[in-house]
Amino acid sequence: MNIFEELGKIYSEIDNSYAKIELHSRSKGYNKKEQQYQRKRKLNDQAYFLFMFSHLEDMIKELSNRLIDDKHKNLTSWSLKRTWEILYNRKTQNPGSINFMDRVALLTEMGKPD
């Protein structure tokens, strides 16, 4: 089981546990407790999303860096290499200068959904 599957399972366990308490509180008319567990579920959603997105972002950065390095190192024709040379220099001199969606564009087919 990879980290994403494991975290998905843990997320579901927590969400289901909170949902049961929330539903029980609603059925008993415990509005304050119900609202507390609604908030806990919302925060759990946000924490899970943030964690998953940060891992996706890291993976995209790693894959795009590998692609840039590979193209910079292996292309010999200047007409093909010049773009990769620019990206390589930006990556090495100012790592944050290549924005996320540009990195995604390097890894996806042009004109297709990201």
C-alpha atoms as a PDB file:
ATOM      1  CA  MET A   1       0.000   0.000   0.000  1.00  0.00           C
ATOM      2  CA  ASN A   2       1.476   3.361  -0.986  1.00  0.00           C
ATOM      3  CA  ILE A   3       1.341   6.522   1.111  1.00  0.00           C
ATOM      4  CA  PHE A   4      -1.647   7.919  -0.805  1.00  0.00           C
ATOM      5  CA  GLU A   5      -3.721   4.775  -0.303  1.00  0.00           C
ATOM      6  CA  GLU A   6      -2.749   4.598   3.350  1.00  0.00           C
ATOM      7  CA  LEU A   7      -3.615   8.252   3.958  1.00  0.00           C
ATOM      8  CA  GLY A   8      -6.879   7.844   2.043  1.00  0.00           C
ATOM      9  CA  LYS A   9      -7.826   5.012   4.356  1.00  0.00           C
ATOM     10  CA  ILE A  10      -6.910   7.024   7.458  1.00  0.00           C
ATOM     11  CA  TYR A  11      -8.796  10.052   6.115  1.00  0.00           C
ATOM     12  CA  SER A  12     -11.918   7.916   5.589  1.00  0.00           C
ATOM     13  CA  GLU A  13     -11.681   6.423   9.065  1.00  0.00           C
ATOM     14  CA  ILE A  14     -11.474   9.860  10.668  1.00  0.00           C
ATOM     15  CA  ASP A  15     -14.216  11.337   8.477  1.00  0.00           C
ATOM     16  CA  ASN A  16     -16.557   8.406   9.118  1.00  0.00           C
ATOM     17  CA  SER A  17     -15.945   8.610  12.854  1.00  0.00           C
ATOM     18  CA  TYR A  18     -16.671  12.345  12.894  1.00  0.00           C
ATOM     19  CA  ALA A  19     -19.710  11.900  10.648  1.00  0.00           C
ATOM     20  CA  LYS A  20     -21.216   9.366  13.067  1.00  0.00           C
ATOM     21  CA  ILE A  21     -20.750  11.725  15.998  1.00  0.00           C
ATOM     22  CA  GLU A  22     -22.130  14.619  13.958  1.00  0.00           C
ATOM     23  CA  LEU A  23     -25.202  12.608  12.914  1.00  0.00           C
ATOM     24  CA  HIS A  24     -25.772  11.375  16.466  1.00  0.00           C
ATOM     25  CA  SER A  25     -25.489  14.931  17.775  1.00  0.00           C
ATOM     26  CA  ARG A  26     -27.985  16.138  15.170  1.00  0.00           C
ATOM     27  CA  SER A  27     -30.469  13.419  16.098  1.00  0.00           C
ATOM     28  CA  LYS A  28     -30.201  14.379  19.786  1.00  0.00           C
ATOM     29  CA  GLY A  29     -30.462  18.102  19.085  1.00  0.00           C
ATOM     30  CA  TYR A  30     -26.941  18.860  20.316  1.00  0.00           C
ATOM     31  CA  ASN A  31     -26.403  21.714  17.894  1.00  0.00           C
ATOM     32  CA  LYS A  32     -23.129  22.939  19.360  1.00  0.00           C
ATOM     33  CA  LYS A  33     -21.564  19.466  19.283  1.00  0.00           C
ATOM     34  CA  GLU A  34     -22.879  18.906  15.755  1.00  0.00           C
ATOM     35  CA  GLN A  35     -21.254  22.161  14.611  1.00  0.00           C
ATOM     36  CA  GLN A  36     -17.975  21.212  16.309  1.00  0.00           C
ATOM     37  CA  TYR A  37     -17.838  17.960  14.352  1.00  0.00           C
ATOM     38  CA  GLN A  38     -18.848  19.649  11.110  1.00  0.00           C
ATOM     39  CA  ARG A  39     -15.847  21.936  11.648  1.00  0.00           C
ATOM     40  CA  LYS A  40     -13.558  19.015  12.471  1.00  0.00           C
ATOM     41  CA  ARG A  41     -14.624  17.265   9.252  1.00  0.00           C
ATOM     42  CA  LYS A  42     -14.010  20.416   7.239  1.00  0.00           C
ATOM     43  CA  LEU A  43     -10.531  20.837   8.753  1.00  0.00           C
ATOM     44  CA  ASN A  44      -9.803  17.157   8.102  1.00  0.00           C
ATOM     45  CA  ASP A  45     -10.806  17.686   4.447  1.00  0.00           C
ATOM     46  CA  GLN A  46      -8.546  20.712   4.154  1.00  0.00           C
ATOM     47  CA  ALA A  47      -5.587  19.011   5.836  1.00  0.00           C
ATOM     48  CA  TYR A  48      -5.905  15.959   3.604  1.00  0.00           C
ATOM     49  CA  PHE A  49      -6.215  18.094   0.463  1.00  0.00           C
ATOM     50  CA  LEU A  50      -3.209  20.225   1.402  1.00  0.00           C
ATOM     51  CA  PHE A  51      -1.083  17.168   2.102  1.00  0.00           C
ATOM     52  CA  MET A  52      -2.090  15.452  -1.143  1.00  0.00           C
ATOM     53  CA  PHE A  53      -1.611  18.604  -3.226  1.00  0.00           C
ATOM     54  CA  SER A  54       1.819  19.262  -1.739  1.00  0.00           C
ATOM     55  CA  HIS A  55       2.849  15.726  -2.681  1.00  0.00           C
ATOM     56  CA  LEU A  56       1.476  16.221  -6.196  1.00  0.00           C
ATOM     57  CA  GLU A  57       3.355  19.508  -6.457  1.00  0.00           C
ATOM     58  CA  ASP A  58       6.587  17.852  -5.301  1.00  0.00           C
ATOM     59  CA  MET A  59       6.144  15.033  -7.811  1.00  0.00           C
ATOM     60  CA  ILE A  60       5.524  17.468 -10.667  1.00  0.00           C
ATOM     61  CA  LYS A  61       8.577  19.501  -9.662  1.00  0.00           C
ATOM     62  CA  GLU A  62      10.748  16.379  -9.492  1.00  0.00           C
ATOM     63  CA  LEU A  63       9.531  15.018 -12.853  1.00  0.00           C
ATOM     64  CA  SER A  64       9.866  18.363 -14.612  1.00  0.00           C
ATOM     65  CA  ASN A  65      13.371  18.861 -13.177  1.00  0.00           C
ATOM     66  CA  ARG A  66      14.374  15.434 -14.461  1.00  0.00           C
ATOM     67  CA  LEU A  67      12.953  16.266 -17.892  1.00  0.00           C
ATOM     68  CA  ILE A  68      14.758  19.625 -18.016  1.00  0.00           C
ATOM     69  CA  ASP A  69      18.038  18.028 -16.916  1.00  0.00           C
ATOM     70  CA  ASP A  70      17.683  15.216 -19.436  1.00  0.00           C
ATOM     71  CA  LYS A  71      16.910  17.540 -22.351  1.00  0.00           C
ATOM     72  CA  HIS A  72      19.697  19.930 -21.368  1.00  0.00           C
ATOM     73  CA  LYS A  73      22.207  17.116 -21.113  1.00  0.00           C
ATOM     74  CA  ASN A  74      21.227  14.994 -24.124  1.00  0.00           C
ATOM     75  CA  LEU A  75      20.019  17.303 -26.880  1.00  0.00           C
ATOM     76  CA  THR A  76      22.787  18.351 -29.250  1.00  0.00           C
ATOM     77  CA  SER A  77      20.945  20.369 -31.886  1.00  0.00           C
ATOM     78  CA  TRP A  78      20.939  24.021 -30.779  1.00  0.00           C
ATOM     79  CA  SER A  79      17.521  24.643 -32.354  1.00  0.00           C
ATOM     80  CA  LEU A  80      16.047  21.955 -30.070  1.00  0.00           C
ATOM     81  CA  LYS A  81      18.243  22.607 -27.041  1.00  0.00           C
ATOM     82  CA  ARG A  82      17.882  26.386 -26.650  1.00  0.00           C
ATOM     83  CA  THR A  83      14.533  26.288 -24.830  1.00  0.00           C
ATOM     84  CA  TRP A  84      15.794  23.601 -22.490  1.00  0.00           C
ATOM     85  CA  GLU A  85      18.968  25.615 -21.889  1.00  0.00           C
ATOM     86  CA  ILE A  86      16.844  28.584 -20.750  1.00  0.00           C
ATOM     87  CA  LEU A  87      14.737  26.374 -18.475  1.00  0.00           C
ATOM     88  CA  TYR A  88      17.830  24.667 -17.089  1.00  0.00           C
ATOM     89  CA  ASN A  89      19.430  28.019 -16.242  1.00  0.00           C
ATOM     90  CA  ARG A  90      16.230  29.273 -14.603  1.00  0.00           C
ATOM     91  CA  LYS A  91      15.931  26.043 -12.625  1.00  0.00           C
ATOM     92  CA  THR A  92      19.502  26.146 -11.349  1.00  0.00           C
ATOM     93  CA  GLN A  93      19.836  29.895 -10.758  1.00  0.00           C
ATOM     94  CA  ASN A  94      16.375  30.605  -9.349  1.00  0.00           C
ATOM     95  CA  PRO A  95      14.469  27.382  -8.580  1.00  0.00           C
ATOM     96  CA  GLY A  96      11.177  29.165  -7.886  1.00  0.00           C
ATOM     97  CA  SER A  97      11.160  30.980 -11.210  1.00  0.00           C
ATOM     98  CA  ILE A  98       9.393  28.196 -13.102  1.00  0.00           C
ATOM     99  CA  ASN A  99       5.788  28.335 -11.984  1.00  0.00           C
ATOM    100  CA  PHE A 100       3.689  25.289 -11.229  1.00  0.00           C
ATOM    101  CA  MET A 101       1.473  25.371 -14.322  1.00  0.00           C
ATOM    102  CA  ASP A 102       4.517  25.775 -16.599  1.00  0.00           C
ATOM    103  CA  ARG A 103       5.927  22.644 -14.988  1.00  0.00           C
ATOM    104  CA  VAL A 104       2.609  20.861 -15.564  1.00  0.00           C
ATOM    105  CA  ALA A 105       2.700  22.010 -19.205  1.00  0.00           C
ATOM    106  CA  LEU A 106       6.120  20.393 -19.631  1.00  0.00           C
ATOM    107  CA  LEU A 107       4.640  17.052 -18.584  1.00  0.00           C
ATOM    108  CA  THR A 108       1.319  17.103 -20.435  1.00  0.00           C
ATOM    109  CA  GLU A 109       0.293  17.094 -24.052  1.00  0.00           C
ATOM    110  CA  MET A 110      -0.431  20.543 -25.457  1.00  0.00           C
ATOM    111  CA  GLY A 111      -4.117  21.229 -26.031  1.00  0.00           C
ATOM    112  CA  LYS A 112      -5.239  18.408 -23.749  1.00  0.00           C
ATOM    113  CA  PRO A 113      -6.622  18.774 -20.219  1.00  0.00           C
ATOM    114  CA  ASP A 114      -3.953  19.047 -17.506  1.00  0.00           C
END
